[in-house]
Amino acid sequence: MAGLNIHRNDTVEVITGADAGKRGRVLRVFPDQGKILVEHVRVVKKTISSKSGQNTRGGIAEQESPLNVSNVMLVCASCGKPTRVGYKVEGDSKTRVCKKCGTALPTKSK
């Protein structure tokens, strides 16, 4: 799969599915699978077994599940709406640009 235009710590809005309309911060990106992990979106219950000798308690925990990157849109910080992402090349630098208002979006943080 080609590179994704959504990076970690971006704010995205879910556009389809059961969680449509929810906004959250991207926690993790899986570019080889084309999926992302969004904070407080697509929360599933997972059973945790207790481990003897490790003092961990078993039970049912909630955690986020990855969702397809095609089901979300990046939210522009200046216009506050979901938008498509464009790129502007100036010299050697390539920056992400909001397609609605034209402002530069923050770059990838490592």
PDB file of N, CA and C in Angstrom:
ATOM      1  N   MET A   1       0.847  -1.183   0.000  1.00  0.00           N
ATOM      2  CA  MET A   1       0.000   0.000   0.000  1.00  0.00           C
ATOM      3  C   MET A   1       0.886   1.236   0.000  1.00  0.00           C
ATOM      4  N   ALA A   2       0.456   2.247  -0.701  1.00  0.00           N
ATOM      5  CA  ALA A   2       1.229   3.485  -0.792  1.00  0.00           C
ATOM      6  C   ALA A   2       1.199   4.219   0.548  1.00  0.00           C
ATOM      7  N   GLY A   3       2.007   5.272   0.656  1.00  0.00           N
ATOM      8  CA  GLY A   3       2.079   6.049   1.887  1.00  0.00           C
ATOM      9  C   GLY A   3       0.732   6.679   2.229  1.00  0.00           C
ATOM     10  N   LEU A   4       0.493   6.846   3.498  1.00  0.00           N
ATOM     11  CA  LEU A   4      -0.762   7.412   3.958  1.00  0.00           C
ATOM     12  C   LEU A   4      -0.610   8.904   4.187  1.00  0.00           C
ATOM     13  N   ASN A   5      -1.698   9.646   4.011  1.00  0.00           N
ATOM     14  CA  ASN A   5      -1.640  11.084   4.253  1.00  0.00           C
ATOM     15  C   ASN A   5      -2.135  11.442   5.648  1.00  0.00           C
ATOM     16  N   ILE A   6      -2.341  10.450   6.494  1.00  0.00           N
ATOM     17  CA  ILE A   6      -2.726  10.671   7.888  1.00  0.00           C
ATOM     18  C   ILE A   6      -1.583  10.178   8.762  1.00  0.00           C
ATOM     19  N   HIS A   7      -1.156  11.022   9.693  1.00  0.00           N
ATOM     20  CA  HIS A   7      -0.026  10.706  10.548  1.00  0.00           C
ATOM     21  C   HIS A   7      -0.468  10.623  12.008  1.00  0.00           C
ATOM     22  N   ARG A   8       0.448  10.167  12.853  1.00  0.00           N
ATOM     23  CA  ARG A   8       0.192  10.075  14.285  1.00  0.00           C
ATOM     24  C   ARG A   8      -0.073  11.462  14.864  1.00  0.00           C
ATOM     25  N   ASN A   9      -0.964  11.547  15.841  1.00  0.00           N
ATOM     26  CA  ASN A   9      -1.373  12.774  16.538  1.00  0.00           C
ATOM     27  C   ASN A   9      -2.226  13.705  15.684  1.00  0.00           C
ATOM     28  N   ASP A  10      -2.639  13.297  14.492  1.00  0.00           N
ATOM     29  CA  ASP A  10      -3.594  14.078  13.710  1.00  0.00           C
ATOM     30  C   ASP A  10      -4.983  13.894  14.304  1.00  0.00           C
ATOM     31  N   THR A  11      -5.845  14.884  14.121  1.00  0.00           N
ATOM     32  CA  THR A  11      -7.240  14.751  14.517  1.00  0.00           C
ATOM     33  C   THR A  11      -8.031  14.328  13.296  1.00  0.00           C
ATOM     34  N   VAL A  12      -8.806  13.255  13.435  1.00  0.00           N
ATOM     35  CA  VAL A  12      -9.594  12.735  12.317  1.00  0.00           C
ATOM     36  C   VAL A  12     -11.051  12.603  12.737  1.00  0.00           C
ATOM     37  N   GLU A  13     -11.925  12.551  11.743  1.00  0.00           N
ATOM     38  CA  GLU A  13     -13.351  12.319  11.975  1.00  0.00           C
ATOM     39  C   GLU A  13     -13.765  11.088  11.198  1.00  0.00           C
ATOM     40  N   VAL A  14     -14.525  10.206  11.857  1.00  0.00           N
ATOM     41  CA  VAL A  14     -15.006   8.984  11.219  1.00  0.00           C
ATOM     42  C   VAL A  14     -16.190   9.353  10.333  1.00  0.00           C
ATOM     43  N   ILE A  15     -16.174   8.918   9.066  1.00  0.00           N
ATOM     44  CA  ILE A  15     -17.231   9.303   8.130  1.00  0.00           C
ATOM     45  C   ILE A  15     -18.208   8.171   7.832  1.00  0.00           C
ATOM     46  N   THR A  16     -17.849   6.926   8.133  1.00  0.00           N
ATOM     47  CA  THR A  16     -18.762   5.808   7.910  1.00  0.00           C
ATOM     48  C   THR A  16     -18.691   4.837   9.072  1.00  0.00           C
ATOM     49  N   GLY A  17     -19.688   3.971   9.154  1.00  0.00           N
ATOM     50  CA  GLY A  17     -19.691   2.929  10.169  1.00  0.00           C
ATOM     51  C   GLY A  17     -20.486   3.304  11.402  1.00  0.00           C
ATOM     52  N   ALA A  18     -20.382   2.473  12.419  1.00  0.00           N
ATOM     53  CA  ALA A  18     -21.148   2.658  13.650  1.00  0.00           C
ATOM     54  C   ALA A  18     -20.700   3.894  14.421  1.00  0.00           C
ATOM     55  N   ASP A  19     -19.440   4.288  14.279  1.00  0.00           N
ATOM     56  CA  ASP A  19     -18.908   5.438  15.000  1.00  0.00           C
ATOM     57  C   ASP A  19     -18.854   6.692  14.131  1.00  0.00           C
ATOM     58  N   ALA A  20     -19.682   6.782  13.124  1.00  0.00           N
ATOM     59  CA  ALA A  20     -19.665   7.931  12.215  1.00  0.00           C
ATOM     60  C   ALA A  20     -19.938   9.220  12.981  1.00  0.00           C
ATOM     61  N   GLY A  21     -19.144  10.256  12.692  1.00  0.00           N
ATOM     62  CA  GLY A  21     -19.293  11.540  13.353  1.00  0.00           C
ATOM     63  C   GLY A  21     -18.372  11.747  14.535  1.00  0.00           C
ATOM     64  N   LYS A  22     -17.765  10.691  15.039  1.00  0.00           N
ATOM     65  CA  LYS A  22     -16.861  10.821  16.186  1.00  0.00           C
ATOM     66  C   LYS A  22     -15.519  11.362  15.718  1.00  0.00           C
ATOM     67  N   ARG A  23     -14.915  12.186  16.575  1.00  0.00           N
ATOM     68  CA  ARG A  23     -13.585  12.714  16.301  1.00  0.00           C
ATOM     69  C   ARG A  23     -12.612  12.191  17.341  1.00  0.00           C
ATOM     70  N   GLY A  24     -11.377  12.006  16.932  1.00  0.00           N
ATOM     71  CA  GLY A  24     -10.364  11.534  17.862  1.00  0.00           C
ATOM     72  C   GLY A  24      -8.974  11.735  17.315  1.00  0.00           C
ATOM     73  N   ARG A  25      -8.010  11.524  18.187  1.00  0.00           N
ATOM     74  CA  ARG A  25      -6.604  11.672  17.832  1.00  0.00           C
ATOM     75  C   ARG A  25      -6.068  10.322  17.380  1.00  0.00           C
ATOM     76  N   VAL A  26      -5.225  10.333  16.355  1.00  0.00           N
ATOM     77  CA  VAL A  26      -4.640   9.097  15.840  1.00  0.00           C
ATOM     78  C   VAL A  26      -3.542   8.653  16.796  1.00  0.00           C
ATOM     79  N   LEU A  27      -3.694   7.443  17.338  1.00  0.00           N
ATOM     80  CA  LEU A  27      -2.719   6.901  18.272  1.00  0.00           C
ATOM     81  C   LEU A  27      -1.598   6.159  17.563  1.00  0.00           C
ATOM     82  N   ARG A  28      -1.957   5.430  16.511  1.00  0.00           N
ATOM     83  CA  ARG A  28      -0.981   4.601  15.818  1.00  0.00           C
ATOM     84  C   ARG A  28      -1.404   4.420  14.371  1.00  0.00           C
ATOM     85  N   VAL A  29      -0.433   4.301  13.476  1.00  0.00           N
ATOM     86  CA  VAL A  29      -0.697   4.122  12.051  1.00  0.00           C
ATOM     87  C   VAL A  29      -0.064   2.812  11.611  1.00  0.00           C
ATOM     88  N   PHE A  30      -0.814   2.012  10.865  1.00  0.00           N
ATOM     89  CA  PHE A  30      -0.324   0.760  10.304  1.00  0.00           C
ATOM     90  C   PHE A  30      -0.333   0.896   8.783  1.00  0.00           C
ATOM     91  N   PRO A  31       0.720   1.478   8.172  1.00  0.00           N
ATOM     92  CA  PRO A  31       0.677   1.759   6.746  1.00  0.00           C
ATOM     93  C   PRO A  31       0.662   0.511   5.866  1.00  0.00           C
ATOM     94  N   ASP A  32       1.262  -0.585   6.319  1.00  0.00           N
ATOM     95  CA  ASP A  32       1.266  -1.799   5.506  1.00  0.00           C
ATOM     96  C   ASP A  32      -0.117  -2.431   5.421  1.00  0.00           C
ATOM     97  N   GLN A  33      -0.972  -2.209   6.424  1.00  0.00           N
ATOM     98  CA  GLN A  33      -2.334  -2.751   6.433  1.00  0.00           C
ATOM     99  C   GLN A  33      -3.360  -1.725   5.973  1.00  0.00           C
ATOM    100  N   GLY A  34      -2.981  -0.442   5.922  1.00  0.00           N
ATOM    101  CA  GLY A  34      -3.926   0.618   5.564  1.00  0.00           C
ATOM    102  C   GLY A  34      -4.911   0.907   6.680  1.00  0.00           C
ATOM    103  N   LYS A  35      -4.479   0.743   7.927  1.00  0.00           N
ATOM    104  CA  LYS A  35      -5.362   0.943   9.074  1.00  0.00           C
ATOM    105  C   LYS A  35      -4.741   1.928  10.053  1.00  0.00           C
ATOM    106  N   ILE A  36      -5.608   2.532  10.881  1.00  0.00           N
ATOM    107  CA  ILE A  36      -5.158   3.439  11.919  1.00  0.00           C
ATOM    108  C   ILE A  36      -5.894   3.119  13.212  1.00  0.00           C
ATOM    109  N   LEU A  37      -5.319   3.553  14.319  1.00  0.00           N
ATOM    110  CA  LEU A  37      -5.909   3.376  15.637  1.00  0.00           C
ATOM    111  C   LEU A  37      -6.271   4.764  16.149  1.00  0.00           C
ATOM    112  N   VAL A  38      -7.557   4.999  16.412  1.00  0.00           N
ATOM    113  CA  VAL A  38      -8.039   6.320  16.809  1.00  0.00           C
ATOM    114  C   VAL A  38      -8.525   6.259  18.253  1.00  0.00           C
ATOM    115  N   GLU A  39      -8.181   7.290  19.016  1.00  0.00           N
ATOM    116  CA  GLU A  39      -8.520   7.353  20.438  1.00  0.00           C
ATOM    117  C   GLU A  39     -10.034   7.441  20.634  1.00  0.00           C
ATOM    118  N   HIS A  40     -10.600   6.572  21.462  1.00  0.00           N
ATOM    119  CA  HIS A  40     -12.023   6.520  21.834  1.00  0.00           C
ATOM    120  C   HIS A  40     -12.949   6.232  20.644  1.00  0.00           C
ATOM    121  N   VAL A  41     -12.438   5.585  19.615  1.00  0.00           N
ATOM    122  CA  VAL A  41     -13.266   5.213  18.458  1.00  0.00           C
ATOM    123  C   VAL A  41     -13.109   3.715  18.235  1.00  0.00           C
ATOM    124  N   ARG A  42     -14.214   3.048  17.934  1.00  0.00           N
ATOM    125  CA  ARG A  42     -14.277   1.600  17.715  1.00  0.00           C
ATOM    126  C   ARG A  42     -13.701   0.852  18.914  1.00  0.00           C
ATOM    127  N   VAL A  43     -14.289   1.118  20.070  1.00  0.00           N
ATOM    128  CA  VAL A  43     -13.851   0.485  21.309  1.00  0.00           C
ATOM    129  C   VAL A  43     -14.494  -0.896  21.404  1.00  0.00           C
ATOM    130  N   VAL A  44     -13.678  -1.913  21.649  1.00  0.00           N
ATOM    131  CA  VAL A  44     -14.150  -3.288  21.780  1.00  0.00           C
ATOM    132  C   VAL A  44     -13.756  -3.816  23.145  1.00  0.00           C
ATOM    133  N   LYS A  45     -14.459  -4.841  23.586  1.00  0.00           N
ATOM    134  CA  LYS A  45     -14.146  -5.466  24.865  1.00  0.00           C
ATOM    135  C   LYS A  45     -13.234  -6.663  24.618  1.00  0.00           C
ATOM    136  N   LYS A  46     -12.220  -6.805  25.473  1.00  0.00           N
ATOM    137  CA  LYS A  46     -11.267  -7.891  25.330  1.00  0.00           C
ATOM    138  C   LYS A  46     -11.094  -8.561  26.678  1.00  0.00           C
ATOM    139  N   THR A  47     -11.084  -9.883  26.697  1.00  0.00           N
ATOM    140  CA  THR A  47     -10.903 -10.597  27.954  1.00  0.00           C
ATOM    141  C   THR A  47      -9.423 -10.702  28.269  1.00  0.00           C
ATOM    142  N   ILE A  48      -9.085 -10.453  29.517  1.00  0.00           N
ATOM    143  CA  ILE A  48      -7.713 -10.520  29.985  1.00  0.00           C
ATOM    144  C   ILE A  48      -7.638 -11.631  31.025  1.00  0.00           C
ATOM    145  N   SER A  49      -6.702 -12.554  30.844  1.00  0.00           N
ATOM    146  CA  SER A  49      -6.560 -13.626  31.828  1.00  0.00           C
ATOM    147  C   SER A  49      -5.553 -13.206  32.881  1.00  0.00           C
ATOM    148  N   SER A  50      -5.778 -13.661  34.095  1.00  0.00           N
ATOM    149  CA  SER A  50      -4.853 -13.327  35.178  1.00  0.00           C
ATOM    150  C   SER A  50      -3.630 -14.233  35.076  1.00  0.00           C
ATOM    151  N   LYS A  51      -2.492 -13.658  35.295  1.00  0.00           N
ATOM    152  CA  LYS A  51      -1.234 -14.407  35.220  1.00  0.00           C
ATOM    153  C   LYS A  51      -0.743 -14.672  36.640  1.00  0.00           C
ATOM    154  N   SER A  52      -0.467 -15.923  36.923  1.00  0.00           N
ATOM    155  CA  SER A  52       0.045 -16.245  38.253  1.00  0.00           C
ATOM    156  C   SER A  52       1.506 -15.818  38.329  1.00  0.00           C
ATOM    157  N   GLY A  53       1.865 -15.152  39.404  1.00  0.00           N
ATOM    158  CA  GLY A  53       3.228 -14.697  39.588  1.00  0.00           C
ATOM    159  C   GLY A  53       3.464 -13.280  39.087  1.00  0.00           C
ATOM    160  N   GLN A  54       2.519 -12.696  38.329  1.00  0.00           N
ATOM    161  CA  GLN A  54       2.707 -11.346  37.814  1.00  0.00           C
ATOM    162  C   GLN A  54       1.780 -10.329  38.455  1.00  0.00           C
ATOM    163  N   ASN A  55       0.933 -10.747  39.363  1.00  0.00           N
ATOM    164  CA  ASN A  55      -0.010  -9.871  40.057  1.00  0.00           C
ATOM    165  C   ASN A  55      -0.896  -9.079  39.103  1.00  0.00           C
ATOM    166  N   THR A  56      -1.247  -9.649  37.968  1.00  0.00           N
ATOM    167  CA  THR A  56      -2.184  -8.980  37.067  1.00  0.00           C
ATOM    168  C   THR A  56      -3.558  -9.563  37.290  1.00  0.00           C
ATOM    169  N   ARG A  57      -4.538  -8.690  37.230  1.00  0.00           N
ATOM    170  CA  ARG A  57      -5.908  -9.115  37.458  1.00  0.00           C
ATOM    171  C   ARG A  57      -6.593  -9.408  36.140  1.00  0.00           C
ATOM    172  N   GLY A  58      -7.320 -10.488  36.109  1.00  0.00           N
ATOM    173  CA  GLY A  58      -8.071 -10.835  34.918  1.00  0.00           C
ATOM    174  C   GLY A  58      -9.401 -10.103  34.883  1.00  0.00           C
ATOM    175  N   GLY A  59     -10.062 -10.149  33.749  1.00  0.00           N
ATOM    176  CA  GLY A  59     -11.352  -9.505  33.619  1.00  0.00           C
ATOM    177  C   GLY A  59     -11.605  -9.083  32.191  1.00  0.00           C
ATOM    178  N   ILE A  60     -12.503  -8.135  32.038  1.00  0.00           N
ATOM    179  CA  ILE A  60     -12.859  -7.628  30.719  1.00  0.00           C
ATOM    180  C   ILE A  60     -12.361  -6.189  30.622  1.00  0.00           C
ATOM    181  N   ALA A  61     -11.538  -5.933  29.615  1.00  0.00           N
ATOM    182  CA  ALA A  61     -10.983  -4.596  29.410  1.00  0.00           C
ATOM    183  C   ALA A  61     -11.488  -4.046  28.081  1.00  0.00           C
ATOM    184  N   GLU A  62     -11.536  -2.718  27.981  1.00  0.00           N
ATOM    185  CA  GLU A  62     -11.929  -2.080  26.727  1.00  0.00           C
ATOM    186  C   GLU A  62     -10.704  -1.481  26.073  1.00  0.00           C
ATOM    187  N   GLN A  63     -10.620  -1.657  24.756  1.00  0.00           N
ATOM    188  CA  GLN A  63      -9.499  -1.083  24.020  1.00  0.00           C
ATOM    189  C   GLN A  63      -9.949  -0.717  22.615  1.00  0.00           C
ATOM    190  N   GLU A  64      -9.189   0.178  21.975  1.00  0.00           N
ATOM    191  CA  GLU A  64      -9.515   0.584  20.615  1.00  0.00           C
ATOM    192  C   GLU A  64      -9.085  -0.500  19.636  1.00  0.00           C
ATOM    193  N   SER A  65      -9.826  -0.604  18.555  1.00  0.00           N
ATOM    194  CA  SER A  65      -9.525  -1.552  17.502  1.00  0.00           C
ATOM    195  C   SER A  65      -9.194  -0.761  16.234  1.00  0.00           C
ATOM    196  N   PRO A  66      -8.271  -1.243  15.411  1.00  0.00           N
ATOM    197  CA  PRO A  66      -7.909  -0.490  14.206  1.00  0.00           C
ATOM    198  C   PRO A  66      -9.076  -0.399  13.226  1.00  0.00           C
ATOM    199  N   LEU A  67      -9.147   0.726  12.502  1.00  0.00           N
ATOM    200  CA  LEU A  67     -10.143   0.866  11.459  1.00  0.00           C
ATOM    201  C   LEU A  67      -9.465   1.323  10.189  1.00  0.00           C
ATOM    202  N   ASN A  68     -10.124   1.079   9.072  1.00  0.00           N
ATOM    203  CA  ASN A  68      -9.550   1.358   7.766  1.00  0.00           C
ATOM    204  C   ASN A  68      -9.379   2.852   7.577  1.00  0.00           C
ATOM    205  N   VAL A  69      -8.282   3.247   6.958  1.00  0.00           N
ATOM    206  CA  VAL A  69      -7.978   4.658   6.774  1.00  0.00           C
ATOM    207  C   VAL A  69      -8.962   5.326   5.812  1.00  0.00           C
ATOM    208  N   SER A  70      -9.644   4.550   4.983  1.00  0.00           N
ATOM    209  CA  SER A  70     -10.621   5.120   4.054  1.00  0.00           C
ATOM    210  C   SER A  70     -11.905   5.532   4.756  1.00  0.00           C
ATOM    211  N   ASN A  71     -12.093   5.129   6.015  1.00  0.00           N
ATOM    212  CA  ASN A  71     -13.300   5.465   6.762  1.00  0.00           C
ATOM    213  C   ASN A  71     -13.165   6.739   7.580  1.00  0.00           C
ATOM    214  N   VAL A  72     -12.030   7.426   7.480  1.00  0.00           N
ATOM    215  CA  VAL A  72     -11.817   8.649   8.238  1.00  0.00           C
ATOM    216  C   VAL A  72     -11.347   9.767   7.318  1.00  0.00           C
ATOM    217  N   MET A  73     -11.561  11.010   7.779  1.00  0.00           N
ATOM    218  CA  MET A  73     -11.045  12.185   7.085  1.00  0.00           C
ATOM    219  C   MET A  73     -10.295  13.045   8.080  1.00  0.00           C
ATOM    220  N   LEU A  74      -9.231  13.662   7.618  1.00  0.00           N
ATOM    221  CA  LEU A  74      -8.426  14.541   8.447  1.00  0.00           C
ATOM    222  C   LEU A  74      -9.192  15.821   8.740  1.00  0.00           C
ATOM    223  N   VAL A  75      -9.135  16.307   9.984  1.00  0.00           N
ATOM    224  CA  VAL A  75      -9.796  17.551  10.375  1.00  0.00           C
ATOM    225  C   VAL A  75      -8.758  18.660  10.358  1.00  0.00           C
ATOM    226  N   CYS A  76      -9.032  19.710   9.587  1.00  0.00           N
ATOM    227  CA  CYS A  76      -8.133  20.860   9.486  1.00  0.00           C
ATOM    228  C   CYS A  76      -8.235  21.683  10.767  1.00  0.00           C
ATOM    229  N   ALA A  77      -7.095  22.126  11.299  1.00  0.00           N
ATOM    230  CA  ALA A  77      -7.082  22.897  12.538  1.00  0.00           C
ATOM    231  C   ALA A  77      -7.632  24.305  12.333  1.00  0.00           C
ATOM    232  N   SER A  78      -7.442  24.885  11.151  1.00  0.00           N
ATOM    233  CA  SER A  78      -7.876  26.269  10.948  1.00  0.00           C
ATOM    234  C   SER A  78      -9.355  26.364  10.577  1.00  0.00           C
ATOM    235  N   CYS A  79      -9.844  25.500   9.677  1.00  0.00           N
ATOM    236  CA  CYS A  79     -11.272  25.601   9.333  1.00  0.00           C
ATOM    237  C   CYS A  79     -12.151  24.708  10.205  1.00  0.00           C
ATOM    238  N   GLY A  80     -11.579  23.718  10.877  1.00  0.00           N
ATOM    239  CA  GLY A  80     -12.320  22.898  11.821  1.00  0.00           C
ATOM    240  C   GLY A  80     -13.260  21.892  11.190  1.00  0.00           C
ATOM    241  N   LYS A  81     -13.091  21.634   9.897  1.00  0.00           N
ATOM    242  CA  LYS A  81     -13.961  20.693   9.193  1.00  0.00           C
ATOM    243  C   LYS A  81     -13.129  19.560   8.611  1.00  0.00           C
ATOM    244  N   PRO A  82     -13.762  18.397   8.389  1.00  0.00           N
ATOM    245  CA  PRO A  82     -13.050  17.308   7.730  1.00  0.00           C
ATOM    246  C   PRO A  82     -12.702  17.714   6.302  1.00  0.00           C
ATOM    247  N   THR A  83     -11.505  17.377   5.872  1.00  0.00           N
ATOM    248  CA  THR A  83     -11.035  17.806   4.563  1.00  0.00           C
ATOM    249  C   THR A  83     -10.156  16.746   3.930  1.00  0.00           C
ATOM    250  N   ARG A  84      -9.996  16.880   2.620  1.00  0.00           N
ATOM    251  CA  ARG A  84      -9.034  16.047   1.913  1.00  0.00           C
ATOM    252  C   ARG A  84      -7.661  16.692   2.031  1.00  0.00           C
ATOM    253  N   VAL A  85      -6.631  15.915   1.771  1.00  0.00           N
ATOM    254  CA  VAL A  85      -5.272  16.397   1.935  1.00  0.00           C
ATOM    255  C   VAL A  85      -4.603  16.503   0.579  1.00  0.00           C
ATOM    256  N   GLY A  86      -3.968  17.657   0.338  1.00  0.00           N
ATOM    257  CA  GLY A  86      -3.170  17.842  -0.858  1.00  0.00           C
ATOM    258  C   GLY A  86      -1.723  18.060  -0.453  1.00  0.00           C
ATOM    259  N   TYR A  87      -0.855  18.116  -1.443  1.00  0.00           N
ATOM    260  CA  TYR A  87       0.559  18.334  -1.170  1.00  0.00           C
ATOM    261  C   TYR A  87       1.065  19.494  -2.003  1.00  0.00           C
ATOM    262  N   LYS A  88       1.956  20.275  -1.418  1.00  0.00           N
ATOM    263  CA  LYS A  88       2.587  21.389  -2.113  1.00  0.00           C
ATOM    264  C   LYS A  88       4.092  21.193  -2.003  1.00  0.00           C
ATOM    265  N   VAL A  89       4.749  21.188  -3.165  1.00  0.00           N
ATOM    266  CA  VAL A  89       6.191  20.993  -3.196  1.00  0.00           C
ATOM    267  C   VAL A  89       6.854  22.338  -3.466  1.00  0.00           C
ATOM    268  N   GLU A  90       7.706  22.744  -2.547  1.00  0.00           N
ATOM    269  CA  GLU A  90       8.470  23.977  -2.704  1.00  0.00           C
ATOM    270  C   GLU A  90       9.937  23.649  -2.504  1.00  0.00           C
ATOM    271  N   GLY A  91      10.687  23.658  -3.585  1.00  0.00           N
ATOM    272  CA  GLY A  91      12.105  23.296  -3.491  1.00  0.00           C
ATOM    273  C   GLY A  91      12.247  21.832  -3.133  1.00  0.00           C
ATOM    274  N   ASP A  92      12.906  21.569  -2.002  1.00  0.00           N
ATOM    275  CA  ASP A  92      13.107  20.191  -1.549  1.00  0.00           C
ATOM    276  C   ASP A  92      12.078  19.754  -0.529  1.00  0.00           C
ATOM    277  N   SER A  93      11.214  20.673  -0.071  1.00  0.00           N
ATOM    278  CA  SER A  93      10.261  20.332   0.988  1.00  0.00           C
ATOM    279  C   SER A  93       8.880  20.053   0.406  1.00  0.00           C
ATOM    280  N   LYS A  94       8.226  19.058   0.984  1.00  0.00           N
ATOM    281  CA  LYS A  94       6.879  18.665   0.580  1.00  0.00           C
ATOM    282  C   LYS A  94       5.981  18.816   1.798  1.00  0.00           C
ATOM    283  N   THR A  95       4.962  19.676   1.710  1.00  0.00           N
ATOM    284  CA  THR A  95       4.093  19.921   2.855  1.00  0.00           C
ATOM    285  C   THR A  95       2.672  19.501   2.536  1.00  0.00           C
ATOM    286  N   ARG A  96       1.959  19.068   3.577  1.00  0.00           N
ATOM    287  CA  ARG A  96       0.545  18.725   3.433  1.00  0.00           C
ATOM    288  C   ARG A  96      -0.274  20.009   3.480  1.00  0.00           C
ATOM    289  N   VAL A  97      -1.331  20.064   2.653  1.00  0.00           N
ATOM    290  CA  VAL A  97      -2.146  21.264   2.546  1.00  0.00           C
ATOM    291  C   VAL A  97      -3.618  20.871   2.629  1.00  0.00           C
ATOM    292  N   CYS A  98      -4.412  21.693   3.343  1.00  0.00           N
ATOM    293  CA  CYS A  98      -5.858  21.501   3.418  1.00  0.00           C
ATOM    294  C   CYS A  98      -6.463  21.859   2.064  1.00  0.00           C
ATOM    295  N   LYS A  99      -7.313  21.006   1.516  1.00  0.00           N
ATOM    296  CA  LYS A  99      -7.922  21.260   0.214  1.00  0.00           C
ATOM    297  C   LYS A  99      -9.013  22.325   0.285  1.00  0.00           C
ATOM    298  N   LYS A 100      -9.597  22.572   1.473  1.00  0.00           N
ATOM    299  CA  LYS A 100     -10.678  23.552   1.589  1.00  0.00           C
ATOM    300  C   LYS A 100     -10.154  24.965   1.746  1.00  0.00           C
ATOM    301  N   CYS A 101      -9.229  25.163   2.704  1.00  0.00           N
ATOM    302  CA  CYS A 101      -8.773  26.529   2.976  1.00  0.00           C
ATOM    303  C   CYS A 101      -7.359  26.801   2.482  1.00  0.00           C
ATOM    304  N   GLY A 102      -6.602  25.775   2.139  1.00  0.00           N
ATOM    305  CA  GLY A 102      -5.275  25.968   1.588  1.00  0.00           C
ATOM    306  C   GLY A 102      -4.161  26.164   2.602  1.00  0.00           C
ATOM    307  N   THR A 103      -4.451  26.059   3.898  1.00  0.00           N
ATOM    308  CA  THR A 103      -3.404  26.243   4.902  1.00  0.00           C
ATOM    309  C   THR A 103      -2.562  24.979   5.043  1.00  0.00           C
ATOM    310  N   ALA A 104      -1.338  25.164   5.455  1.00  0.00           N
ATOM    311  CA  ALA A 104      -0.431  24.034   5.639  1.00  0.00           C
ATOM    312  C   ALA A 104      -0.813  23.264   6.894  1.00  0.00           C
ATOM    313  N   LEU A 105      -0.775  21.958   6.805  1.00  0.00           N
ATOM    314  CA  LEU A 105      -1.073  21.075   7.936  1.00  0.00           C
ATOM    315  C   LEU A 105       0.240  20.676   8.608  1.00  0.00           C
ATOM    316  N   PRO A 106       0.194  20.375   9.906  1.00  0.00           N
ATOM    317  CA  PRO A 106       1.437  19.976  10.583  1.00  0.00           C
ATOM    318  C   PRO A 106       2.047  18.738   9.948  1.00  0.00           C
ATOM    319  N   THR A 107       3.365  18.671   9.975  1.00  0.00           N
ATOM    320  CA  THR A 107       4.061  17.532   9.376  1.00  0.00           C
ATOM    321  C   THR A 107       4.142  16.379  10.348  1.00  0.00           C
ATOM    322  N   LYS A 108       4.673  15.283   9.878  1.00  0.00           N
ATOM    323  CA  LYS A 108       4.787  14.072  10.685  1.00  0.00           C
ATOM    324  C   LYS A 108       5.731  14.294  11.856  1.00  0.00           C
ATOM    325  N   SER A 109       5.308  13.866  13.042  1.00  0.00           N
ATOM    326  CA  SER A 109       6.169  13.959  14.221  1.00  0.00           C
ATOM    327  C   SER A 109       6.700  12.581  14.550  1.00  0.00           C
ATOM    328  N   LYS A 110       7.997  12.491  14.812  1.00  0.00           N
ATOM    329  CA  LYS A 110       8.596  11.180  15.096  1.00  0.00           C
ATOM    330  C   LYS A 110       8.884  10.999  16.552  1.00  0.00           C
TER     331      LYS A 110
END
